[in-house]
Structures are given as structure tokens and as C-alpha cells.
Amino acid sequence: MSFAVIKTGGKQYLVEEKSKIKIEKLAVEEGAKVTFSEVLLAADEKGNVNLGTPFLKDVSVEATVIVQTKAKKVTGVHYKPKTRNKKKFGHRQNFTEVEIVSLSI
């Protein structure tokens, strides 16, 4: 079982082939191919683990964009106790769902 740890959008993700992950929004159309070159760690089927300092050279992960959408709405309230001001707000975060096609280790 080969896997890799990639960095995108300021976060790190553990990925395997044919896995689907939700990442921060990328400016790419649906169905397009994306290559992640910032690979922090890679392991192959034999148990060999390569650790980058900070990134591995000549290692990349290719993915296909499945959908660009928004997450469920998160609501919150700002409240000021002495003046009794209350304001409700909501937020929907944009994200991109990708499917990992291949790991080039």
C-alpha cells in the first residue's frame, strides 16, 4: 500500500491512489488534472519511507478535480452583554473535491 503526505492550502493530507479528499478551493475547472509537487512524505508497498526536508524532489501526486462546491453552512452569534447587541452570521466555505489518480514515488 503506497501513500504520501501532500501539502496544499496550508494544510497536510494523507493520500492514497483512488482516494477522494476535500481540500481548500483551487482555481481549476471540474474534470481538470492537478499535480501536487509539495510532497512531504512518501511510502511504497515494500515499506520504504522517504521523508523530505521539507519536500521530496522528483516526487509528485496527480489528481483529477471532481467538483467545486461549498460546505454546509456554519452559523454563529456575536453578542455584547451590557448593550444586549446580538448579531447572527453564517458562512459557507468553498472547497474542491479531488480524486488521487497516481503517486509517482
PDB file of N, CA and C in Angstrom:
ATOM      1  N   MET A   1       0.849  -1.176   0.000  1.00  0.00           N
ATOM      2  CA  MET A   1       0.000   0.000   0.000  1.00  0.00           C
ATOM      3  C   MET A   1       0.891   1.235   0.000  1.00  0.00           C
ATOM      4  N   SER A   2       0.878   1.966  -1.095  1.00  0.00           N
ATOM      5  CA  SER A   2       1.682   3.183  -1.159  1.00  0.00           C
ATOM      6  C   SER A   2       0.820   4.385  -0.776  1.00  0.00           C
ATOM      7  N   PHE A   3       1.431   5.314  -0.090  1.00  0.00           N
ATOM      8  CA  PHE A   3       0.731   6.527   0.310  1.00  0.00           C
ATOM      9  C   PHE A   3       1.712   7.675   0.343  1.00  0.00           C
ATOM     10  N   ALA A   4       1.171   8.889   0.460  1.00  0.00           N
ATOM     11  CA  ALA A   4       2.003  10.084   0.511  1.00  0.00           C
ATOM     12  C   ALA A   4       1.306  11.132   1.364  1.00  0.00           C
ATOM     13  N   VAL A   5       2.079  12.068   1.863  1.00  0.00           N
ATOM     14  CA  VAL A   5       1.546  13.215   2.585  1.00  0.00           C
ATOM     15  C   VAL A   5       1.866  14.439   1.739  1.00  0.00           C
ATOM     16  N   ILE A   6       0.803  15.149   1.311  1.00  0.00           N
ATOM     17  CA  ILE A   6       0.993  16.331   0.475  1.00  0.00           C
ATOM     18  C   ILE A   6       0.581  17.575   1.241  1.00  0.00           C
ATOM     19  N   LYS A   7       1.069  18.716   0.776  1.00  0.00           N
ATOM     20  CA  LYS A   7       0.711  19.992   1.384  1.00  0.00           C
ATOM     21  C   LYS A   7       0.036  20.847   0.326  1.00  0.00           C
ATOM     22  N   THR A   8      -1.167  21.336   0.632  1.00  0.00           N
ATOM     23  CA  THR A   8      -1.870  22.256  -0.247  1.00  0.00           C
ATOM     24  C   THR A   8      -2.824  23.101   0.589  1.00  0.00           C
ATOM     25  N   GLY A   9      -2.897  24.365   0.271  1.00  0.00           N
ATOM     26  CA  GLY A   9      -3.791  25.259   1.001  1.00  0.00           C
ATOM     27  C   GLY A   9      -3.404  25.455   2.445  1.00  0.00           C
ATOM     28  N   GLY A  10      -2.117  25.275   2.778  1.00  0.00           N
ATOM     29  CA  GLY A  10      -1.663  25.452   4.143  1.00  0.00           C
ATOM     30  C   GLY A  10      -1.972  24.280   5.060  1.00  0.00           C
ATOM     31  N   LYS A  11      -2.477  23.189   4.493  1.00  0.00           N
ATOM     32  CA  LYS A  11      -2.807  22.002   5.284  1.00  0.00           C
ATOM     33  C   LYS A  11      -2.100  20.786   4.697  1.00  0.00           C
ATOM     34  N   GLN A  12      -2.024  19.723   5.485  1.00  0.00           N
ATOM     35  CA  GLN A  12      -1.393  18.495   5.041  1.00  0.00           C
ATOM     36  C   GLN A  12      -2.446  17.393   4.948  1.00  0.00           C
ATOM     37  N   TYR A  13      -2.322  16.557   3.905  1.00  0.00           N
ATOM     38  CA  TYR A  13      -3.293  15.498   3.661  1.00  0.00           C
ATOM     39  C   TYR A  13      -2.568  14.186   3.403  1.00  0.00           C
ATOM     40  N   LEU A  14      -3.066  13.111   3.996  1.00  0.00           N
ATOM     41  CA  LEU A  14      -2.568  11.762   3.741  1.00  0.00           C
ATOM     42  C   LEU A  14      -3.384  11.190   2.593  1.00  0.00           C
ATOM     43  N   VAL A  15      -2.714  10.832   1.483  1.00  0.00           N
ATOM     44  CA  VAL A  15      -3.432  10.395   0.292  1.00  0.00           C
ATOM     45  C   VAL A  15      -2.934   9.029  -0.171  1.00  0.00           C
ATOM     46  N   GLU A  16      -3.825   8.290  -0.782  1.00  0.00           N
ATOM     47  CA  GLU A  16      -3.533   7.016  -1.436  1.00  0.00           C
ATOM     48  C   GLU A  16      -4.138   7.085  -2.832  1.00  0.00           C
ATOM     49  N   GLU A  17      -3.777   6.145  -3.691  1.00  0.00           N
ATOM     50  CA  GLU A  17      -4.368   6.109  -5.022  1.00  0.00           C
ATOM     51  C   GLU A  17      -5.855   5.797  -4.926  1.00  0.00           C
ATOM     52  N   LYS A  18      -6.638   6.443  -5.770  1.00  0.00           N
ATOM     53  CA  LYS A  18      -8.095   6.298  -5.865  1.00  0.00           C
ATOM     54  C   LYS A  18      -8.830   6.777  -4.619  1.00  0.00           C
ATOM     55  N   SER A  19      -8.180   7.581  -3.787  1.00  0.00           N
ATOM     56  CA  SER A  19      -8.879   8.157  -2.642  1.00  0.00           C
ATOM     57  C   SER A  19      -9.400   9.540  -3.014  1.00  0.00           C
ATOM     58  N   LYS A  20     -10.486   9.940  -2.369  1.00  0.00           N
ATOM     59  CA  LYS A  20     -11.090  11.246  -2.613  1.00  0.00           C
ATOM     60  C   LYS A  20     -10.887  12.102  -1.375  1.00  0.00           C
ATOM     61  N   ILE A  21     -10.440  13.352  -1.584  1.00  0.00           N
ATOM     62  CA  ILE A  21     -10.230  14.265  -0.461  1.00  0.00           C
ATOM     63  C   ILE A  21     -10.845  15.619  -0.786  1.00  0.00           C
ATOM     64  N   LYS A  22     -11.231  16.327   0.253  1.00  0.00           N
ATOM     65  CA  LYS A  22     -11.751  17.689   0.124  1.00  0.00           C
ATOM     66  C   LYS A  22     -10.654  18.633   0.589  1.00  0.00           C
ATOM     67  N   ILE A  23     -10.246  19.545  -0.296  1.00  0.00           N
ATOM     68  CA  ILE A  23      -9.159  20.466   0.007  1.00  0.00           C
ATOM     69  C   ILE A  23      -9.637  21.900  -0.171  1.00  0.00           C
ATOM     70  N   GLU A  24      -8.809  22.857   0.241  1.00  0.00           N
ATOM     71  CA  GLU A  24      -9.124  24.262   0.040  1.00  0.00           C
ATOM     72  C   GLU A  24      -9.325  24.533  -1.443  1.00  0.00           C
ATOM     73  N   LYS A  25     -10.140  25.528  -1.779  1.00  0.00           N
ATOM     74  CA  LYS A  25     -10.520  25.785  -3.157  1.00  0.00           C
ATOM     75  C   LYS A  25      -9.306  26.049  -4.039  1.00  0.00           C
ATOM     76  N   LEU A  26      -9.284  25.362  -5.189  1.00  0.00           N
ATOM     77  CA  LEU A  26      -8.269  25.574  -6.215  1.00  0.00           C
ATOM     78  C   LEU A  26      -8.926  26.279  -7.398  1.00  0.00           C
ATOM     79  N   ALA A  27      -8.188  27.137  -8.070  1.00  0.00           N
ATOM     80  CA  ALA A  27      -8.708  27.854  -9.234  1.00  0.00           C
ATOM     81  C   ALA A  27      -8.541  26.998 -10.483  1.00  0.00           C
ATOM     82  N   VAL A  28      -9.246  25.866 -10.514  1.00  0.00           N
ATOM     83  CA  VAL A  28      -9.169  24.901 -11.608  1.00  0.00           C
ATOM     84  C   VAL A  28     -10.587  24.456 -11.947  1.00  0.00           C
ATOM     85  N   GLU A  29     -10.828  24.171 -13.232  1.00  0.00           N
ATOM     86  CA  GLU A  29     -12.150  23.727 -13.656  1.00  0.00           C
ATOM     87  C   GLU A  29     -12.385  22.270 -13.264  1.00  0.00           C
ATOM     88  N   GLU A  30     -13.658  21.888 -13.234  1.00  0.00           N
ATOM     89  CA  GLU A  30     -14.009  20.496 -12.940  1.00  0.00           C
ATOM     90  C   GLU A  30     -13.533  19.596 -14.072  1.00  0.00           C
ATOM     91  N   GLY A  31     -13.000  18.436 -13.725  1.00  0.00           N
ATOM     92  CA  GLY A  31     -12.505  17.494 -14.707  1.00  0.00           C
ATOM     93  C   GLY A  31     -11.054  17.704 -15.096  1.00  0.00           C
ATOM     94  N   ALA A  32     -10.439  18.785 -14.623  1.00  0.00           N
ATOM     95  CA  ALA A  32      -9.046  19.080 -14.972  1.00  0.00           C
ATOM     96  C   ALA A  32      -8.092  18.269 -14.098  1.00  0.00           C
ATOM     97  N   LYS A  33      -6.892  18.086 -14.578  1.00  0.00           N
ATOM     98  CA  LYS A  33      -5.849  17.377 -13.827  1.00  0.00           C
ATOM     99  C   LYS A  33      -5.042  18.380 -13.021  1.00  0.00           C
ATOM    100  N   VAL A  34      -4.661  17.981 -11.815  1.00  0.00           N
ATOM    101  CA  VAL A  34      -3.872  18.816 -10.913  1.00  0.00           C
ATOM    102  C   VAL A  34      -2.676  17.996 -10.457  1.00  0.00           C
ATOM    103  N   THR A  35      -1.505  18.639 -10.388  1.00  0.00           N
ATOM    104  CA  THR A  35      -0.304  17.967  -9.901  1.00  0.00           C
ATOM    105  C   THR A  35       0.157  18.657  -8.626  1.00  0.00           C
ATOM    106  N   PHE A  36       0.313  17.870  -7.569  1.00  0.00           N
ATOM    107  CA  PHE A  36       0.811  18.383  -6.302  1.00  0.00           C
ATOM    108  C   PHE A  36       2.294  18.011  -6.208  1.00  0.00           C
ATOM    109  N   SER A  37       3.151  19.021  -6.199  1.00  0.00           N
ATOM    110  CA  SER A  37       4.593  18.752  -6.145  1.00  0.00           C
ATOM    111  C   SER A  37       5.158  18.893  -4.732  1.00  0.00           C
ATOM    112  N   GLU A  38       4.394  19.469  -3.820  1.00  0.00           N
ATOM    113  CA  GLU A  38       4.850  19.619  -2.437  1.00  0.00           C
ATOM    114  C   GLU A  38       4.515  18.349  -1.651  1.00  0.00           C
ATOM    115  N   VAL A  39       5.352  17.340  -1.811  1.00  0.00           N
ATOM    116  CA  VAL A  39       5.163  16.056  -1.141  1.00  0.00           C
ATOM    117  C   VAL A  39       6.119  16.001   0.047  1.00  0.00           C
ATOM    118  N   LEU A  40       5.569  15.808   1.238  1.00  0.00           N
ATOM    119  CA  LEU A  40       6.366  15.807   2.465  1.00  0.00           C
ATOM    120  C   LEU A  40       6.902  14.421   2.806  1.00  0.00           C
ATOM    121  N   LEU A  41       6.130  13.387   2.496  1.00  0.00           N
ATOM    122  CA  LEU A  41       6.499  12.017   2.851  1.00  0.00           C
ATOM    123  C   LEU A  41       5.917  11.082   1.804  1.00  0.00           C
ATOM    124  N   ALA A  42       6.657  10.042   1.462  1.00  0.00           N
ATOM    125  CA  ALA A  42       6.163   9.051   0.511  1.00  0.00           C
ATOM    126  C   ALA A  42       6.592   7.665   0.973  1.00  0.00           C
ATOM    127  N   ALA A  43       5.692   6.704   0.838  1.00  0.00           N
ATOM    128  CA  ALA A  43       5.984   5.314   1.208  1.00  0.00           C
ATOM    129  C   ALA A  43       5.476   4.408   0.103  1.00  0.00           C
ATOM    130  N   ASP A  44       6.219   3.338  -0.187  1.00  0.00           N
ATOM    131  CA  ASP A  44       5.802   2.395  -1.217  1.00  0.00           C
ATOM    132  C   ASP A  44       5.316   1.094  -0.595  1.00  0.00           C
ATOM    133  N   GLU A  45       4.985   0.120  -1.454  1.00  0.00           N
ATOM    134  CA  GLU A  45       4.422  -1.150  -0.983  1.00  0.00           C
ATOM    135  C   GLU A  45       5.411  -1.968  -0.166  1.00  0.00           C
ATOM    136  N   LYS A  46       6.706  -1.790  -0.425  1.00  0.00           N
ATOM    137  CA  LYS A  46       7.733  -2.576   0.258  1.00  0.00           C
ATOM    138  C   LYS A  46       8.033  -2.082   1.666  1.00  0.00           C
ATOM    139  N   GLY A  47       7.475  -0.932   2.035  1.00  0.00           N
ATOM    140  CA  GLY A  47       7.717  -0.390   3.361  1.00  0.00           C
ATOM    141  C   GLY A  47       8.819   0.650   3.399  1.00  0.00           C
ATOM    142  N   ASN A  48       9.362   1.021   2.231  1.00  0.00           N
ATOM    143  CA  ASN A  48      10.382   2.066   2.182  1.00  0.00           C
ATOM    144  C   ASN A  48       9.719   3.425   2.354  1.00  0.00           C
ATOM    145  N   VAL A  49      10.205   4.208   3.299  1.00  0.00           N
ATOM    146  CA  VAL A  49       9.637   5.519   3.589  1.00  0.00           C
ATOM    147  C   VAL A  49      10.674   6.583   3.275  1.00  0.00           C
ATOM    148  N   ASN A  50      10.271   7.573   2.474  1.00  0.00           N
ATOM    149  CA  ASN A  50      11.136   8.703   2.150  1.00  0.00           C
ATOM    150  C   ASN A  50      10.559   9.943   2.815  1.00  0.00           C
ATOM    151  N   LEU A  51      11.389  10.649   3.551  1.00  0.00           N
ATOM    152  CA  LEU A  51      10.972  11.842   4.268  1.00  0.00           C
ATOM    153  C   LEU A  51      11.699  13.037   3.685  1.00  0.00           C
ATOM    154  N   GLY A  52      10.955  14.079   3.315  1.00  0.00           N
ATOM    155  CA  GLY A  52      11.546  15.263   2.705  1.00  0.00           C
ATOM    156  C   GLY A  52      12.018  16.268   3.729  1.00  0.00           C
ATOM    157  N   THR A  53      12.901  17.172   3.275  1.00  0.00           N
ATOM    158  CA  THR A  53      13.399  18.240   4.152  1.00  0.00           C
ATOM    159  C   THR A  53      13.286  19.589   3.451  1.00  0.00           C
ATOM    160  N   PRO A  54      12.226  20.274   3.336  1.00  0.00           N
ATOM    161  CA  PRO A  54      10.884  19.877   3.765  1.00  0.00           C
ATOM    162  C   PRO A  54      10.129  19.072   2.707  1.00  0.00           C
ATOM    163  N   PHE A  55      10.524  19.188   1.398  1.00  0.00           N
ATOM    164  CA  PHE A  55       9.799  18.485   0.349  1.00  0.00           C
ATOM    165  C   PHE A  55      10.710  17.482  -0.344  1.00  0.00           C
ATOM    166  N   LEU A  56      10.088  16.457  -0.922  1.00  0.00           N
ATOM    167  CA  LEU A  56      10.821  15.460  -1.684  1.00  0.00           C
ATOM    168  C   LEU A  56      10.992  15.955  -3.124  1.00  0.00           C
ATOM    169  N   LYS A  57      12.170  15.694  -3.684  1.00  0.00           N
ATOM    170  CA  LYS A  57      12.428  16.075  -5.068  1.00  0.00           C
ATOM    171  C   LYS A  57      12.002  14.935  -5.980  1.00  0.00           C
ATOM    172  N   ASP A  58      11.557  15.273  -7.174  1.00  0.00           N
ATOM    173  CA  ASP A  58      11.160  14.304  -8.206  1.00  0.00           C
ATOM    174  C   ASP A  58      10.027  13.376  -7.759  1.00  0.00           C
ATOM    175  N   VAL A  59       9.214  13.807  -6.819  1.00  0.00           N
ATOM    176  CA  VAL A  59       8.043  13.045  -6.389  1.00  0.00           C
ATOM    177  C   VAL A  59       6.833  13.954  -6.537  1.00  0.00           C
ATOM    178  N   SER A  60       5.771  13.425  -7.145  1.00  0.00           N
ATOM    179  CA  SER A  60       4.565  14.231  -7.318  1.00  0.00           C
ATOM    180  C   SER A  60       3.331  13.347  -7.209  1.00  0.00           C
ATOM    181  N   VAL A  61       2.210  14.001  -6.994  1.00  0.00           N
ATOM    182  CA  VAL A  61       0.924  13.320  -6.882  1.00  0.00           C
ATOM    183  C   VAL A  61      -0.014  13.963  -7.891  1.00  0.00           C
ATOM    184  N   GLU A  62      -0.642  13.134  -8.740  1.00  0.00           N
ATOM    185  CA  GLU A  62      -1.579  13.653  -9.729  1.00  0.00           C
ATOM    186  C   GLU A  62      -3.002  13.347  -9.285  1.00  0.00           C
ATOM    187  N   ALA A  63      -3.884  14.328  -9.533  1.00  0.00           N
ATOM    188  CA  ALA A  63      -5.280  14.188  -9.126  1.00  0.00           C
ATOM    189  C   ALA A  63      -6.185  14.786 -10.195  1.00  0.00           C
ATOM    190  N   THR A  64      -7.452  14.388 -10.145  1.00  0.00           N
ATOM    191  CA  THR A  64      -8.471  14.928 -11.033  1.00  0.00           C
ATOM    192  C   THR A  64      -9.514  15.643 -10.183  1.00  0.00           C
ATOM    193  N   VAL A  65      -9.898  16.848 -10.616  1.00  0.00           N
ATOM    194  CA  VAL A  65     -10.898  17.617  -9.880  1.00  0.00           C
ATOM    195  C   VAL A  65     -12.270  17.036 -10.172  1.00  0.00           C
ATOM    196  N   ILE A  66     -12.991  16.665  -9.125  1.00  0.00           N
ATOM    197  CA  ILE A  66     -14.327  16.091  -9.276  1.00  0.00           C
ATOM    198  C   ILE A  66     -15.377  17.196  -9.253  1.00  0.00           C
ATOM    199  N   VAL A  67     -15.339  18.032  -8.220  1.00  0.00           N
ATOM    200  CA  VAL A  67     -16.370  19.056  -8.080  1.00  0.00           C
ATOM    201  C   VAL A  67     -15.822  20.261  -7.312  1.00  0.00           C
ATOM    202  N   GLN A  68     -16.327  21.447  -7.660  1.00  0.00           N
ATOM    203  CA  GLN A  68     -16.057  22.682  -6.923  1.00  0.00           C
ATOM    204  C   GLN A  68     -17.383  23.079  -6.269  1.00  0.00           C
ATOM    205  N   THR A  69     -17.421  23.168  -4.961  1.00  0.00           N
ATOM    206  CA  THR A  69     -18.688  23.467  -4.290  1.00  0.00           C
ATOM    207  C   THR A  69     -18.427  24.153  -2.956  1.00  0.00           C
ATOM    208  N   LYS A  70     -19.486  24.300  -2.178  1.00  0.00           N
ATOM    209  CA  LYS A  70     -19.393  24.908  -0.849  1.00  0.00           C
ATOM    210  C   LYS A  70     -19.781  23.891   0.210  1.00  0.00           C
ATOM    211  N   ALA A  71     -19.229  24.066   1.401  1.00  0.00           N
ATOM    212  CA  ALA A  71     -19.561  23.193   2.530  1.00  0.00           C
ATOM    213  C   ALA A  71     -20.905  23.609   3.114  1.00  0.00           C
ATOM    214  N   LYS A  72     -21.374  22.854   4.100  1.00  0.00           N
ATOM    215  CA  LYS A  72     -22.613  23.205   4.783  1.00  0.00           C
ATOM    216  C   LYS A  72     -22.424  24.512   5.541  1.00  0.00           C
ATOM    217  N   LYS A  73     -23.518  25.196   5.782  1.00  0.00           N
ATOM    218  CA  LYS A  73     -23.466  26.487   6.448  1.00  0.00           C
ATOM    219  C   LYS A  73     -23.144  26.334   7.932  1.00  0.00           C
ATOM    220  N   VAL A  74     -22.235  27.164   8.406  1.00  0.00           N
ATOM    221  CA  VAL A  74     -21.877  27.230   9.816  1.00  0.00           C
ATOM    222  C   VAL A  74     -22.403  28.561  10.333  1.00  0.00           C
ATOM    223  N   THR A  75     -23.174  28.532  11.412  1.00  0.00           N
ATOM    224  CA  THR A  75     -23.734  29.764  11.960  1.00  0.00           C
ATOM    225  C   THR A  75     -23.089  30.091  13.297  1.00  0.00           C
ATOM    226  N   GLY A  76     -23.104  31.360  13.624  1.00  0.00           N
ATOM    227  CA  GLY A  76     -22.562  31.822  14.891  1.00  0.00           C
ATOM    228  C   GLY A  76     -23.255  33.101  15.312  1.00  0.00           C
ATOM    229  N   VAL A  77     -22.953  33.544  16.514  1.00  0.00           N
ATOM    230  CA  VAL A  77     -23.588  34.742  17.059  1.00  0.00           C
ATOM    231  C   VAL A  77     -22.537  35.621  17.710  1.00  0.00           C
ATOM    232  N   HIS A  78     -22.587  36.913  17.400  1.00  0.00           N
ATOM    233  CA  HIS A  78     -21.806  37.905  18.127  1.00  0.00           C
ATOM    234  C   HIS A  78     -22.752  38.528  19.149  1.00  0.00           C
ATOM    235  N   TYR A  79     -22.342  38.605  20.405  1.00  0.00           N
ATOM    236  CA  TYR A  79     -23.216  39.124  21.451  1.00  0.00           C
ATOM    237  C   TYR A  79     -22.421  40.037  22.367  1.00  0.00           C
ATOM    238  N   LYS A  80     -22.952  41.207  22.631  1.00  0.00           N
ATOM    239  CA  LYS A  80     -22.339  42.147  23.567  1.00  0.00           C
ATOM    240  C   LYS A  80     -23.261  42.237  24.782  1.00  0.00           C
ATOM    241  N   PRO A  81     -22.812  41.768  25.949  1.00  0.00           N
ATOM    242  CA  PRO A  81     -23.725  41.591  27.079  1.00  0.00           C
ATOM    243  C   PRO A  81     -24.328  42.871  27.655  1.00  0.00           C
ATOM    244  N   LYS A  82     -23.582  43.931  27.811  1.00  0.00           N
ATOM    245  CA  LYS A  82     -24.128  45.093  28.523  1.00  0.00           C
ATOM    246  C   LYS A  82     -25.076  45.904  27.654  1.00  0.00           C
ATOM    247  N   THR A  83     -24.867  45.889  26.343  1.00  0.00           N
ATOM    248  CA  THR A  83     -25.751  46.646  25.455  1.00  0.00           C
ATOM    249  C   THR A  83     -26.821  45.757  24.819  1.00  0.00           C
ATOM    250  N   ARG A  84     -26.727  44.464  25.049  1.00  0.00           N
ATOM    251  CA  ARG A  84     -27.658  43.484  24.516  1.00  0.00           C
ATOM    252  C   ARG A  84     -27.704  43.484  22.983  1.00  0.00           C
ATOM    253  N   ASN A  85     -26.574  43.804  22.372  1.00  0.00           N
ATOM    254  CA  ASN A  85     -26.496  43.702  20.920  1.00  0.00           C
ATOM    255  C   ASN A  85     -26.256  42.258  20.548  1.00  0.00           C
ATOM    256  N   LYS A  86     -27.008  41.783  19.572  1.00  0.00           N
ATOM    257  CA  LYS A  86     -26.851  40.409  19.116  1.00  0.00           C
ATOM    258  C   LYS A  86     -26.895  40.410  17.594  1.00  0.00           C
ATOM    259  N   LYS A  87     -25.927  39.727  16.973  1.00  0.00           N
ATOM    260  CA  LYS A  87     -25.914  39.635  15.527  1.00  0.00           C
ATOM    261  C   LYS A  87     -25.590  38.200  15.128  1.00  0.00           C
ATOM    262  N   LYS A  88     -26.435  37.622  14.309  1.00  0.00           N
ATOM    263  CA  LYS A  88     -26.246  36.254  13.835  1.00  0.00           C
ATOM    264  C   LYS A  88     -25.564  36.312  12.471  1.00  0.00           C
ATOM    265  N   PHE A  89     -24.636  35.377  12.247  1.00  0.00           N
ATOM    266  CA  PHE A  89     -23.944  35.330  10.957  1.00  0.00           C
ATOM    267  C   PHE A  89     -23.816  33.890  10.500  1.00  0.00           C
ATOM    268  N   GLY A  90     -23.591  33.731   9.218  1.00  0.00           N
ATOM    269  CA  GLY A  90     -23.399  32.412   8.639  1.00  0.00           C
ATOM    270  C   GLY A  90     -22.253  32.444   7.652  1.00  0.00           C
ATOM    271  N   HIS A  91     -21.658  31.272   7.415  1.00  0.00           N
ATOM    272  CA  HIS A  91     -20.527  31.176   6.488  1.00  0.00           C
ATOM    273  C   HIS A  91     -20.538  29.817   5.805  1.00  0.00           C
ATOM    274  N   ARG A  92     -20.301  29.815   4.491  1.00  0.00           N
ATOM    275  CA  ARG A  92     -20.139  28.576   3.729  1.00  0.00           C
ATOM    276  C   ARG A  92     -18.772  28.608   3.076  1.00  0.00           C
ATOM    277  N   GLN A  93     -17.906  27.689   3.451  1.00  0.00           N
ATOM    278  CA  GLN A  93     -16.536  27.646   2.944  1.00  0.00           C
ATOM    279  C   GLN A  93     -16.495  26.952   1.585  1.00  0.00           C
ATOM    280  N   ASN A  94     -15.786  27.553   0.633  1.00  0.00           N
ATOM    281  CA  ASN A  94     -15.578  26.930  -0.671  1.00  0.00           C
ATOM    282  C   ASN A  94     -14.538  25.821  -0.545  1.00  0.00           C
ATOM    283  N   PHE A  95     -14.726  24.722  -1.277  1.00  0.00           N
ATOM    284  CA  PHE A  95     -13.729  23.665  -1.286  1.00  0.00           C
ATOM    285  C   PHE A  95     -13.743  22.951  -2.631  1.00  0.00           C
ATOM    286  N   THR A  96     -12.703  22.200  -2.880  1.00  0.00           N
ATOM    287  CA  THR A  96     -12.550  21.412  -4.097  1.00  0.00           C
ATOM    288  C   THR A  96     -12.406  19.956  -3.693  1.00  0.00           C
ATOM    289  N   GLU A  97     -13.176  19.083  -4.334  1.00  0.00           N
ATOM    290  CA  GLU A  97     -13.029  17.653  -4.084  1.00  0.00           C
ATOM    291  C   GLU A  97     -12.229  17.051  -5.228  1.00  0.00           C
ATOM    292  N   VAL A  98     -11.140  16.349  -4.890  1.00  0.00           N
ATOM    293  CA  VAL A  98     -10.275  15.747  -5.896  1.00  0.00           C
ATOM    294  C   VAL A  98     -10.139  14.255  -5.645  1.00  0.00           C
ATOM    295  N   GLU A  99      -9.885  13.518  -6.731  1.00  0.00           N
ATOM    296  CA  GLU A  99      -9.612  12.087  -6.642  1.00  0.00           C
ATOM    297  C   GLU A  99      -8.162  11.865  -7.057  1.00  0.00           C
ATOM    298  N   ILE A 100      -7.410  11.175  -6.224  1.00  0.00           N
ATOM    299  CA  ILE A 100      -5.996  10.923  -6.484  1.00  0.00           C
ATOM    300  C   ILE A 100      -5.897   9.864  -7.575  1.00  0.00           C
ATOM    301  N   VAL A 101      -5.185  10.198  -8.653  1.00  0.00           N
ATOM    302  CA  VAL A 101      -5.035   9.282  -9.788  1.00  0.00           C
ATOM    303  C   VAL A 101      -3.781   8.442  -9.647  1.00  0.00           C
ATOM    304  N   SER A 102      -2.644   9.101  -9.392  1.00  0.00           N
ATOM    305  CA  SER A 102      -1.390   8.340  -9.321  1.00  0.00           C
ATOM    306  C   SER A 102      -0.390   9.010  -8.385  1.00  0.00           C
ATOM    307  N   LEU A 103       0.456   8.178  -7.805  1.00  0.00           N
ATOM    308  CA  LEU A 103       1.568   8.631  -6.977  1.00  0.00           C
ATOM    309  C   LEU A 103       2.855   8.253  -7.705  1.00  0.00           C
ATOM    310  N   SER A 104       3.692   9.240  -8.015  1.00  0.00           N
ATOM    311  CA  SER A 104       4.965   8.924  -8.666  1.00  0.00           C
ATOM    312  C   SER A 104       6.064   8.979  -7.621  1.00  0.00           C
ATOM    313  N   ILE A 105       6.363   7.808  -7.069  1.00  0.00           N
ATOM    314  CA  ILE A 105       7.366   7.710  -5.996  1.00  0.00           C
ATOM    315  C   ILE A 105       8.663   7.206  -6.585  1.00  0.00           C
TER     316      ILE A 105
END
